[in-house]
PDB file of N, CA and C in Angstrom:
ATOM      1  N   MET A   1     150.656 -45.606 -42.922  1.00  0.00           N
ATOM      2  CA  MET A   1     150.854 -46.954 -43.395  1.00  0.00           C
ATOM      3  C   MET A   1     150.002 -47.192 -44.639  1.00  0.00           C
ATOM      4  N   PRO A   2     150.613 -47.146 -45.808  1.00  0.00           N
ATOM      5  CA  PRO A   2     149.853 -47.350 -47.041  1.00  0.00           C
ATOM      6  C   PRO A   2     149.661 -48.829 -47.391  1.00  0.00           C
ATOM      7  N   ILE A   3     148.528 -49.092 -48.036  1.00  0.00           N
ATOM      8  CA  ILE A   3     148.247 -50.428 -48.561  1.00  0.00           C
ATOM      9  C   ILE A   3     149.049 -50.601 -49.847  1.00  0.00           C
ATOM     10  N   VAL A   4     149.749 -51.724 -49.974  1.00  0.00           N
ATOM     11  CA  VAL A   4     150.510 -52.000 -51.192  1.00  0.00           C
ATOM     12  C   VAL A   4     149.949 -53.178 -51.971  1.00  0.00           C
ATOM     13  N   TYR A   5     149.043 -53.947 -51.347  1.00  0.00           N
ATOM     14  CA  TYR A   5     148.502 -55.121 -52.036  1.00  0.00           C
ATOM     15  C   TYR A   5     147.167 -55.505 -51.421  1.00  0.00           C
ATOM     16  N   ARG A   6     146.187 -55.762 -52.264  1.00  0.00           N
ATOM     17  CA  ARG A   6     144.902 -56.300 -51.828  1.00  0.00           C
ATOM     18  C   ARG A   6     144.856 -57.744 -52.299  1.00  0.00           C
ATOM     19  N   ALA A   7     144.759 -58.657 -51.341  1.00  0.00           N
ATOM     20  CA  ALA A   7     144.893 -60.075 -51.633  1.00  0.00           C
ATOM     21  C   ALA A   7     143.550 -60.748 -51.866  1.00  0.00           C
ATOM     22  N   ALA A   8     143.560 -61.755 -52.713  1.00  0.00           N
ATOM     23  CA  ALA A   8     142.369 -62.564 -52.954  1.00  0.00           C
ATOM     24  C   ALA A   8     142.163 -63.561 -51.826  1.00  0.00           C
ATOM     25  N   ASN A   9     143.258 -63.921 -51.128  1.00  0.00           N
ATOM     26  CA  ASN A   9     143.162 -64.877 -50.028  1.00  0.00           C
ATOM     27  C   ASN A   9     144.400 -64.734 -49.142  1.00  0.00           C
ATOM     28  N   MET A  10     144.402 -65.450 -48.026  1.00  0.00           N
ATOM     29  CA  MET A  10     145.510 -65.352 -47.078  1.00  0.00           C
ATOM     30  C   MET A  10     146.816 -65.905 -47.632  1.00  0.00           C
ATOM     31  N   VAL A  11     146.730 -66.884 -48.506  1.00  0.00           N
ATOM     32  CA  VAL A  11     147.958 -67.446 -49.087  1.00  0.00           C
ATOM     33  C   VAL A  11     148.675 -66.380 -49.906  1.00  0.00           C
ATOM     34  N   ASP A  12     147.941 -65.684 -50.779  1.00  0.00           N
ATOM     35  CA  ASP A  12     148.550 -64.612 -51.561  1.00  0.00           C
ATOM     36  C   ASP A  12     149.100 -63.518 -50.665  1.00  0.00           C
ATOM     37  N   ALA A  13     148.354 -63.147 -49.652  1.00  0.00           N
ATOM     38  CA  ALA A  13     148.804 -62.102 -48.730  1.00  0.00           C
ATOM     39  C   ALA A  13     150.106 -62.517 -48.048  1.00  0.00           C
ATOM     40  N   GLN A  14     150.193 -63.761 -47.601  1.00  0.00           N
ATOM     41  CA  GLN A  14     151.399 -64.225 -46.923  1.00  0.00           C
ATOM     42  C   GLN A  14     152.585 -64.282 -47.882  1.00  0.00           C
ATOM     43  N   LEU A  15     152.353 -64.693 -49.124  1.00  0.00           N
ATOM     44  CA  LEU A  15     153.439 -64.717 -50.109  1.00  0.00           C
ATOM     45  C   LEU A  15     153.989 -63.319 -50.356  1.00  0.00           C
ATOM     46  N   VAL A  16     153.087 -62.335 -50.490  1.00  0.00           N
ATOM     47  CA  VAL A  16     153.521 -60.949 -50.695  1.00  0.00           C
ATOM     48  C   VAL A  16     154.256 -60.446 -49.459  1.00  0.00           C
ATOM     49  N   LEU A  17     153.725 -60.727 -48.281  1.00  0.00           N
ATOM     50  CA  LEU A  17     154.388 -60.314 -47.048  1.00  0.00           C
ATOM     51  C   LEU A  17     155.798 -60.896 -46.974  1.00  0.00           C
ATOM     52  N   ASP A  18     155.950 -62.157 -47.318  1.00  0.00           N
ATOM     53  CA  ASP A  18     157.268 -62.792 -47.310  1.00  0.00           C
ATOM     54  C   ASP A  18     158.223 -62.114 -48.289  1.00  0.00           C
ATOM     55  N   GLU A  19     157.726 -61.763 -49.478  1.00  0.00           N
ATOM     56  CA  GLU A  19     158.566 -61.072 -50.469  1.00  0.00           C
ATOM     57  C   GLU A  19     158.997 -59.698 -49.948  1.00  0.00           C
ATOM     58  N   LEU A  20     158.072 -58.976 -49.332  1.00  0.00           N
ATOM     59  CA  LEU A  20     158.392 -57.652 -48.798  1.00  0.00           C
ATOM     60  C   LEU A  20     159.430 -57.749 -47.687  1.00  0.00           C
ATOM     61  N   LYS A  21     159.265 -58.716 -46.819  1.00  0.00           N
ATOM     62  CA  LYS A  21     160.235 -58.889 -45.729  1.00  0.00           C
ATOM     63  C   LYS A  21     161.600 -59.315 -46.269  1.00  0.00           C
ATOM     64  N   ALA A  22     161.607 -60.143 -47.311  1.00  0.00           N
ATOM     65  CA  ALA A  22     162.874 -60.554 -47.925  1.00  0.00           C
ATOM     66  C   ALA A  22     163.590 -59.359 -48.546  1.00  0.00           C
ATOM     67  N   ALA A  23     162.829 -58.350 -48.955  1.00  0.00           N
ATOM     68  CA  ALA A  23     163.414 -57.137 -49.524  1.00  0.00           C
ATOM     69  C   ALA A  23     163.807 -56.138 -48.432  1.00  0.00           C
ATOM     70  N   GLY A  24     163.642 -56.539 -47.170  1.00  0.00           N
ATOM     71  CA  GLY A  24     164.051 -55.684 -46.062  1.00  0.00           C
ATOM     72  C   GLY A  24     163.016 -54.669 -45.629  1.00  0.00           C
ATOM     73  N   LEU A  25     161.781 -54.850 -46.075  1.00  0.00           N
ATOM     74  CA  LEU A  25     160.725 -53.899 -45.738  1.00  0.00           C
ATOM     75  C   LEU A  25     159.917 -54.395 -44.544  1.00  0.00           C
ATOM     76  N   SER A  26     159.407 -53.468 -43.783  1.00  0.00           N
ATOM     77  CA  SER A  26     158.562 -53.787 -42.642  1.00  0.00           C
ATOM     78  C   SER A  26     157.108 -53.695 -43.097  1.00  0.00           C
ATOM     79  N   ALA A  27     156.378 -54.810 -42.995  1.00  0.00           N
ATOM     80  CA  ALA A  27     155.011 -54.857 -43.502  1.00  0.00           C
ATOM     81  C   ALA A  27     154.156 -55.751 -42.619  1.00  0.00           C
ATOM     82  N   ARG A  28     152.839 -55.661 -42.824  1.00  0.00           N
ATOM     83  CA  ARG A  28     151.918 -56.504 -42.066  1.00  0.00           C
ATOM     84  C   ARG A  28     150.679 -56.797 -42.890  1.00  0.00           C
ATOM     85  N   ILE A  29     149.970 -57.843 -42.505  1.00  0.00           N
ATOM     86  CA  ILE A  29     148.710 -58.214 -43.142  1.00  0.00           C
ATOM     87  C   ILE A  29     147.575 -57.670 -42.287  1.00  0.00           C
ATOM     88  N   SER A  30     146.594 -57.111 -42.942  1.00  0.00           N
ATOM     89  CA  SER A  30     145.402 -56.632 -42.261  1.00  0.00           C
ATOM     90  C   SER A  30     144.196 -57.392 -42.803  1.00  0.00           C
ATOM     91  N   GLY A  31     143.280 -57.747 -41.921  1.00  0.00           N
ATOM     92  CA  GLY A  31     142.066 -58.422 -42.342  1.00  0.00           C
ATOM     93  C   GLY A  31     142.144 -59.926 -42.364  1.00  0.00           C
ATOM     94  N   GLN A  32     143.237 -60.498 -41.829  1.00  0.00           N
ATOM     95  CA  GLN A  32     143.381 -61.942 -41.868  1.00  0.00           C
ATOM     96  C   GLN A  32     142.256 -62.655 -41.137  1.00  0.00           C
ATOM     97  N   TYR A  33     141.646 -62.001 -40.168  1.00  0.00           N
ATOM     98  CA  TYR A  33     140.553 -62.629 -39.431  1.00  0.00           C
ATOM     99  C   TYR A  33     139.204 -62.410 -40.099  1.00  0.00           C
ATOM    100  N   LEU A  34     139.197 -61.697 -41.215  1.00  0.00           N
ATOM    101  CA  LEU A  34     137.965 -61.460 -41.956  1.00  0.00           C
ATOM    102  C   LEU A  34     137.756 -62.465 -43.074  1.00  0.00           C
ATOM    103  N   SER A  35     138.661 -63.408 -43.232  1.00  0.00           N
ATOM    104  CA  SER A  35     138.543 -64.354 -44.345  1.00  0.00           C
ATOM    105  C   SER A  35     137.244 -65.152 -44.272  1.00  0.00           C
ATOM    106  N   GLY A  36     136.695 -65.331 -43.096  1.00  0.00           N
ATOM    107  CA  GLY A  36     135.424 -66.033 -42.961  1.00  0.00           C
ATOM    108  C   GLY A  36     134.256 -65.231 -43.499  1.00  0.00           C
ATOM    109  N   ALA A  37     134.446 -63.934 -43.674  1.00  0.00           N
ATOM    110  CA  ALA A  37     133.385 -63.072 -44.191  1.00  0.00           C
ATOM    111  C   ALA A  37     133.395 -62.989 -45.713  1.00  0.00           C
ATOM    112  N   VAL A  38     134.395 -63.617 -46.352  1.00  0.00           N
ATOM    113  CA  VAL A  38     134.455 -63.602 -47.809  1.00  0.00           C
ATOM    114  C   VAL A  38     133.195 -64.261 -48.347  1.00  0.00           C
ATOM    115  N   GLY A  39     132.577 -63.603 -49.277  1.00  0.00           N
ATOM    116  CA  GLY A  39     131.271 -64.007 -49.792  1.00  0.00           C
ATOM    117  C   GLY A  39     130.275 -62.922 -49.445  1.00  0.00           C
ATOM    118  N   GLU A  40     130.397 -62.419 -48.223  1.00  0.00           N
ATOM    119  CA  GLU A  40     129.592 -61.271 -47.810  1.00  0.00           C
ATOM    120  C   GLU A  40     130.268 -59.984 -48.266  1.00  0.00           C
ATOM    121  N   ILE A  41     131.590 -59.995 -48.239  1.00  0.00           N
ATOM    122  CA  ILE A  41     132.373 -58.871 -48.741  1.00  0.00           C
ATOM    123  C   ILE A  41     133.394 -59.430 -49.726  1.00  0.00           C
ATOM    124  N   PRO A  42     133.769 -58.643 -50.731  1.00  0.00           N
ATOM    125  CA  PRO A  42     134.756 -59.133 -51.696  1.00  0.00           C
ATOM    126  C   PRO A  42     136.095 -59.422 -51.013  1.00  0.00           C
ATOM    127  N   PRO A  43     136.766 -60.521 -51.392  1.00  0.00           N
ATOM    128  CA  PRO A  43     138.022 -60.874 -50.725  1.00  0.00           C
ATOM    129  C   PRO A  43     139.085 -59.793 -50.837  1.00  0.00           C
ATOM    130  N   ASN A  44     139.143 -59.113 -51.958  1.00  0.00           N
ATOM    131  CA  ASN A  44     140.176 -58.081 -52.098  1.00  0.00           C
ATOM    132  C   ASN A  44     139.862 -56.827 -51.285  1.00  0.00           C
ATOM    133  N   GLU A  45     138.698 -56.787 -50.654  1.00  0.00           N
ATOM    134  CA  GLU A  45     138.374 -55.701 -49.736  1.00  0.00           C
ATOM    135  C   GLU A  45     138.668 -56.104 -48.302  1.00  0.00           C
ATOM    136  N   ALA A  46     138.789 -57.392 -48.040  1.00  0.00           N
ATOM    137  CA  ALA A  46     138.964 -57.880 -46.676  1.00  0.00           C
ATOM    138  C   ALA A  46     140.429 -58.010 -46.287  1.00  0.00           C
ATOM    139  N   ILE A  47     141.260 -58.544 -47.166  1.00  0.00           N
ATOM    140  CA  ILE A  47     142.638 -58.878 -46.820  1.00  0.00           C
ATOM    141  C   ILE A  47     143.585 -57.969 -47.604  1.00  0.00           C
ATOM    142  N   SER A  48     144.472 -57.297 -46.886  1.00  0.00           N
ATOM    143  CA  SER A  48     145.418 -56.406 -47.550  1.00  0.00           C
ATOM    144  C   SER A  48     146.772 -56.460 -46.855  1.00  0.00           C
ATOM    145  N   VAL A  49     147.784 -56.016 -47.578  1.00  0.00           N
ATOM    146  CA  VAL A  49     149.144 -55.956 -47.043  1.00  0.00           C
ATOM    147  C   VAL A  49     149.556 -54.489 -47.013  1.00  0.00           C
ATOM    148  N   TRP A  50     150.069 -54.073 -45.889  1.00  0.00           N
ATOM    149  CA  TRP A  50     150.473 -52.686 -45.654  1.00  0.00           C
ATOM    150  C   TRP A  50     151.969 -52.625 -45.357  1.00  0.00           C
ATOM    151  N   VAL A  51     152.617 -51.549 -45.785  1.00  0.00           N
ATOM    152  CA  VAL A  51     153.987 -51.295 -45.337  1.00  0.00           C
ATOM    153  C   VAL A  51     153.905 -50.313 -44.178  1.00  0.00           C
ATOM    154  N   ASP A  52     154.883 -50.358 -43.301  1.00  0.00           N
ATOM    155  CA  ASP A  52     154.839 -49.570 -42.078  1.00  0.00           C
ATOM    156  C   ASP A  52     155.246 -48.110 -42.252  1.00  0.00           C
ATOM    157  N   SER A  53     155.754 -47.751 -43.417  1.00  0.00           N
ATOM    158  CA  SER A  53     156.201 -46.378 -43.630  1.00  0.00           C
ATOM    159  C   SER A  53     155.882 -45.927 -45.052  1.00  0.00           C
ATOM    160  N   ASP A  54     155.457 -44.679 -45.175  1.00  0.00           N
ATOM    161  CA  ASP A  54     155.199 -44.108 -46.498  1.00  0.00           C
ATOM    162  C   ASP A  54     156.461 -44.098 -47.352  1.00  0.00           C
ATOM    163  N   ARG A  55     157.620 -43.984 -46.724  1.00  0.00           N
ATOM    164  CA  ARG A  55     158.887 -43.955 -47.466  1.00  0.00           C
ATOM    165  C   ARG A  55     159.178 -45.279 -48.145  1.00  0.00           C
ATOM    166  N   GLN A  56     158.589 -46.365 -47.663  1.00  0.00           N
ATOM    167  CA  GLN A  56     158.832 -47.685 -48.242  1.00  0.00           C
ATOM    168  C   GLN A  56     157.877 -48.007 -49.384  1.00  0.00           C
ATOM    169  N   TYR A  57     156.909 -47.140 -49.638  1.00  0.00           N
ATOM    170  CA  TYR A  57     155.840 -47.454 -50.585  1.00  0.00           C
ATOM    171  C   TYR A  57     156.358 -47.765 -51.994  1.00  0.00           C
ATOM    172  N   THR A  58     157.229 -46.931 -52.533  1.00  0.00           N
ATOM    173  CA  THR A  58     157.695 -47.122 -53.904  1.00  0.00           C
ATOM    174  C   THR A  58     158.417 -48.459 -54.075  1.00  0.00           C
ATOM    175  N   LEU A  59     159.318 -48.764 -53.173  1.00  0.00           N
ATOM    176  CA  LEU A  59     160.026 -50.045 -53.244  1.00  0.00           C
ATOM    177  C   LEU A  59     159.059 -51.207 -53.030  1.00  0.00           C
ATOM    178  N   ALA A  60     158.127 -51.040 -52.106  1.00  0.00           N
ATOM    179  CA  ALA A  60     157.146 -52.100 -51.842  1.00  0.00           C
ATOM    180  C   ALA A  60     156.296 -52.376 -53.080  1.00  0.00           C
ATOM    181  N   ARG A  61     155.875 -51.342 -53.785  1.00  0.00           N
ATOM    182  CA  ARG A  61     155.081 -51.533 -54.999  1.00  0.00           C
ATOM    183  C   ARG A  61     155.908 -52.252 -56.058  1.00  0.00           C
ATOM    184  N   GLN A  62     157.202 -51.966 -56.140  1.00  0.00           N
ATOM    185  CA  GLN A  62     158.070 -52.661 -57.094  1.00  0.00           C
ATOM    186  C   GLN A  62     158.127 -54.149 -56.751  1.00  0.00           C
ATOM    187  N   VAL A  63     158.271 -54.460 -55.482  1.00  0.00           N
ATOM    188  CA  VAL A  63     158.318 -55.863 -55.042  1.00  0.00           C
ATOM    189  C   VAL A  63     157.001 -56.557 -55.368  1.00  0.00           C
ATOM    190  N   VAL A  64     155.880 -55.878 -55.114  1.00  0.00           N
ATOM    191  CA  VAL A  64     154.562 -56.456 -55.401  1.00  0.00           C
ATOM    192  C   VAL A  64     154.386 -56.663 -56.899  1.00  0.00           C
ATOM    193  N   THR A  65     154.816 -55.700 -57.698  1.00  0.00           N
ATOM    194  CA  THR A  65     154.716 -55.828 -59.156  1.00  0.00           C
ATOM    195  C   THR A  65     155.519 -57.027 -59.639  1.00  0.00           C
ATOM    196  N   GLU A  66     156.710 -57.205 -59.082  1.00  0.00           N
ATOM    197  CA  GLU A  66     157.539 -58.352 -59.453  1.00  0.00           C
ATOM    198  C   GLU A  66     156.889 -59.659 -59.004  1.00  0.00           C
ATOM    199  N   PHE A  67     156.280 -59.655 -57.830  1.00  0.00           N
ATOM    200  CA  PHE A  67     155.572 -60.850 -57.356  1.00  0.00           C
ATOM    201  C   PHE A  67     154.433 -61.196 -58.309  1.00  0.00           C
ATOM    202  N   GLU A  68     153.640 -60.203 -58.664  1.00  0.00           N
ATOM    203  CA  GLU A  68     152.513 -60.444 -59.567  1.00  0.00           C
ATOM    204  C   GLU A  68     152.995 -60.965 -60.914  1.00  0.00           C
ATOM    205  N   ALA A  69     154.099 -60.425 -61.404  1.00  0.00           N
ATOM    206  CA  ALA A  69     154.659 -60.894 -62.678  1.00  0.00           C
ATOM    207  C   ALA A  69     155.134 -62.338 -62.556  1.00  0.00           C
ATOM    208  N   SER A  70     155.638 -62.696 -61.399  1.00  0.00           N
ATOM    209  CA  SER A  70     156.138 -64.056 -61.220  1.00  0.00           C
ATOM    210  C   SER A  70     155.010 -65.075 -61.188  1.00  0.00           C
ATOM    211  N   GLN A  71     153.801 -64.627 -60.968  1.00  0.00           N
ATOM    212  CA  GLN A  71     152.662 -65.528 -60.916  1.00  0.00           C
ATOM    213  C   GLN A  71     152.147 -65.875 -62.307  1.00  0.00           C
ATOM    214  N   ARG A  72     152.585 -65.131 -63.303  1.00  0.00           N
ATOM    215  CA  ARG A  72     152.227 -65.446 -64.689  1.00  0.00           C
ATOM    216  C   ARG A  72     153.165 -66.535 -65.175  1.00  0.00           C
ATOM    217  N   THR A  73     152.633 -67.643 -65.625  1.00  0.00           N
ATOM    218  CA  THR A  73     153.511 -68.755 -65.984  1.00  0.00           C
ATOM    219  C   THR A  73     153.604 -68.993 -67.482  1.00  0.00           C
ATOM    220  N   GLY A  74     152.909 -68.209 -68.291  1.00  0.00           N
ATOM    221  CA  GLY A  74     152.970 -68.421 -69.732  1.00  0.00           C
ATOM    222  C   GLY A  74     154.226 -67.830 -70.343  1.00  0.00           C
ATOM    223  N   GLY A  75     154.602 -68.337 -71.479  1.00  0.00           N
ATOM    224  CA  GLY A  75     155.734 -67.767 -72.186  1.00  0.00           C
ATOM    225  C   GLY A  75     156.974 -68.648 -72.128  1.00  0.00           C
ATOM    226  N   ALA A  76     157.970 -68.204 -72.848  1.00  0.00           N
ATOM    227  CA  ALA A  76     159.217 -68.954 -72.958  1.00  0.00           C
ATOM    228  C   ALA A  76     160.226 -68.478 -71.916  1.00  0.00           C
ATOM    229  N   GLU A  77     161.242 -69.286 -71.707  1.00  0.00           N
ATOM    230  CA  GLU A  77     162.340 -68.882 -70.832  1.00  0.00           C
ATOM    231  C   GLU A  77     163.056 -67.684 -71.437  1.00  0.00           C
ATOM    232  N   LYS A  78     163.551 -66.825 -70.555  1.00  0.00           N
ATOM    233  CA  LYS A  78     164.290 -65.643 -71.004  1.00  0.00           C
ATOM    234  C   LYS A  78     165.560 -65.524 -70.171  1.00  0.00           C
ATOM    235  N   PRO A  79     166.606 -64.918 -70.757  1.00  0.00           N
ATOM    236  CA  PRO A  79     167.839 -64.755 -69.983  1.00  0.00           C
ATOM    237  C   PRO A  79     167.696 -63.650 -68.946  1.00  0.00           C
ATOM    238  N   CYS A  80     168.317 -63.864 -67.789  1.00  0.00           N
ATOM    239  CA  CYS A  80     168.368 -62.840 -66.749  1.00  0.00           C
ATOM    240  C   CYS A  80     169.166 -61.657 -67.290  1.00  0.00           C
ATOM    241  N   HIS A  81     168.686 -60.438 -67.028  1.00  0.00           N
ATOM    242  CA  HIS A  81     169.429 -59.267 -67.505  1.00  0.00           C
ATOM    243  C   HIS A  81     170.675 -59.010 -66.664  1.00  0.00           C
ATOM    244  N   GLY A  82     170.784 -59.697 -65.509  1.00  0.00           N
ATOM    245  CA  GLY A  82     171.959 -59.514 -64.656  1.00  0.00           C
ATOM    246  C   GLY A  82     173.101 -60.462 -64.964  1.00  0.00           C
ATOM    247  N   CYS A  83     172.756 -61.761 -65.173  1.00  0.00           N
ATOM    248  CA  CYS A  83     173.830 -62.751 -65.341  1.00  0.00           C
ATOM    249  C   CYS A  83     173.669 -63.627 -66.580  1.00  0.00           C
ATOM    250  N   GLY A  84     172.523 -63.530 -67.253  1.00  0.00           N
ATOM    251  CA  GLY A  84     172.314 -64.314 -68.460  1.00  0.00           C
ATOM    252  C   GLY A  84     171.748 -65.705 -68.222  1.00  0.00           C
ATOM    253  N   GLU A  85     171.551 -66.098 -66.966  1.00  0.00           N
ATOM    254  CA  GLU A  85     170.964 -67.406 -66.650  1.00  0.00           C
ATOM    255  C   GLU A  85     169.553 -67.474 -67.251  1.00  0.00           C
ATOM    256  N   MET A  86     169.204 -68.598 -67.837  1.00  0.00           N
ATOM    257  CA  MET A  86     167.865 -68.762 -68.416  1.00  0.00           C
ATOM    258  C   MET A  86     166.852 -68.985 -67.296  1.00  0.00           C
ATOM    259  N   LEU A  87     165.773 -68.183 -67.325  1.00  0.00           N
ATOM    260  CA  LEU A  87     164.757 -68.231 -66.280  1.00  0.00           C
ATOM    261  C   LEU A  87     163.387 -68.540 -66.857  1.00  0.00           C
ATOM    262  N   ALA A  88     162.655 -69.404 -66.178  1.00  0.00           N
ATOM    263  CA  ALA A  88     161.263 -69.663 -66.549  1.00  0.00           C
ATOM    264  C   ALA A  88     160.452 -68.402 -66.250  1.00  0.00           C
ATOM    265  N   PRO A  89     159.337 -68.202 -66.946  1.00  0.00           N
ATOM    266  CA  PRO A  89     158.584 -66.957 -66.799  1.00  0.00           C
ATOM    267  C   PRO A  89     157.998 -66.721 -65.412  1.00  0.00           C
ATOM    268  N   GLN A  90     157.861 -67.755 -64.594  1.00  0.00           N
ATOM    269  CA  GLN A  90     157.285 -67.536 -63.274  1.00  0.00           C
ATOM    270  C   GLN A  90     158.255 -66.907 -62.279  1.00  0.00           C
ATOM    271  N   PHE A  91     159.536 -66.789 -62.647  1.00  0.00           N
ATOM    272  CA  PHE A  91     160.508 -66.208 -61.740  1.00  0.00           C
ATOM    273  C   PHE A  91     160.588 -64.700 -61.918  1.00  0.00           C
ATOM    274  N   GLY A  92     160.277 -63.962 -60.853  1.00  0.00           N
ATOM    275  CA  GLY A  92     160.392 -62.510 -60.873  1.00  0.00           C
ATOM    276  C   GLY A  92     161.782 -62.064 -60.483  1.00  0.00           C
ATOM    277  N   LYS A  93     162.524 -62.977 -59.855  1.00  0.00           N
ATOM    278  CA  LYS A  93     163.870 -62.677 -59.396  1.00  0.00           C
ATOM    279  C   LYS A  93     164.762 -63.848 -59.789  1.00  0.00           C
ATOM    280  N   CYS A  94     165.949 -63.544 -60.256  1.00  0.00           N
ATOM    281  CA  CYS A  94     166.878 -64.586 -60.688  1.00  0.00           C
ATOM    282  C   CYS A  94     167.353 -65.415 -59.500  1.00  0.00           C
ATOM    283  N   TRP A  95     167.268 -66.714 -59.634  1.00  0.00           N
ATOM    284  CA  TRP A  95     167.706 -67.604 -58.566  1.00  0.00           C
ATOM    285  C   TRP A  95     169.229 -67.636 -58.469  1.00  0.00           C
ATOM    286  N   ASN A  96     169.908 -67.265 -59.560  1.00  0.00           N
ATOM    287  CA  ASN A  96     171.361 -67.351 -59.605  1.00  0.00           C
ATOM    288  C   ASN A  96     172.040 -66.100 -59.031  1.00  0.00           C
ATOM    289  N   CYS A  97     171.629 -64.917 -59.498  1.00  0.00           N
ATOM    290  CA  CYS A  97     172.302 -63.683 -59.064  1.00  0.00           C
ATOM    291  C   CYS A  97     171.426 -62.776 -58.208  1.00  0.00           C
ATOM    292  N   GLY A  98     170.112 -63.074 -58.139  1.00  0.00           N
ATOM    293  CA  GLY A  98     169.220 -62.276 -57.295  1.00  0.00           C
ATOM    294  C   GLY A  98     168.662 -61.029 -57.950  1.00  0.00           C
ATOM    295  N   ALA A  99     168.958 -60.804 -59.225  1.00  0.00           N
ATOM    296  CA  ALA A  99     168.472 -59.606 -59.909  1.00  0.00           C
ATOM    297  C   ALA A  99     166.968 -59.717 -60.187  1.00  0.00           C
ATOM    298  N   TRP A 100     166.244 -58.615 -59.929  1.00  0.00           N
ATOM    299  CA  TRP A 100     164.824 -58.579 -60.286  1.00  0.00           C
ATOM    300  C   TRP A 100     164.707 -58.518 -61.795  1.00  0.00           C
ATOM    301  N   GLN A 101     163.742 -59.227 -62.333  1.00  0.00           N
ATOM    302  CA  GLN A 101     163.525 -59.250 -63.774  1.00  0.00           C
ATOM    303  C   GLN A 101     162.503 -58.197 -64.142  1.00  0.00           C
ATOM    304  N   SER A 102     162.642 -57.637 -65.329  1.00  0.00           N
ATOM    305  CA  SER A 102     161.721 -56.591 -65.765  1.00  0.00           C
ATOM    306  C   SER A 102     160.343 -57.185 -65.982  1.00  0.00           C
ATOM    307  N   VAL A 103     159.340 -56.352 -65.730  1.00  0.00           N
ATOM    308  CA  VAL A 103     157.947 -56.759 -65.895  1.00  0.00           C
ATOM    309  C   VAL A 103     157.475 -56.306 -67.259  1.00  0.00           C
ATOM    310  N   GLU A 104     156.956 -57.249 -68.026  1.00  0.00           N
ATOM    311  CA  GLU A 104     156.432 -56.920 -69.338  1.00  0.00           C
ATOM    312  C   GLU A 104     154.919 -57.027 -69.310  1.00  0.00           C
ATOM    313  N   PRO A 105     154.205 -56.060 -69.882  1.00  0.00           N
ATOM    314  CA  PRO A 105     152.747 -56.113 -69.863  1.00  0.00           C
ATOM    315  C   PRO A 105     152.179 -57.261 -70.644  1.00  0.00           C
TER     316      PRO A 105
END
């Protein structure tokens, strides 16, 4: 069971878990009961999201990368590469056709 995401807090971990499950992947959060220890240990060392199979790792990392990209809110709207719908920069996936949007550094 590989780690695919180290979360800053439980909210981020749950959002990533929800995205992974929406993509059909089996995943879980580890360290959710350690959130009270944050301050003594770094938060990204306490809370993590794991996929249940090594075979799911590549797809899971893609989902996490898209999630992280969706959290960036700067920039102009861009057309979806799948359907051409204009999307705000915080959307990692098109609301109209469901296509994942490319991640730009």
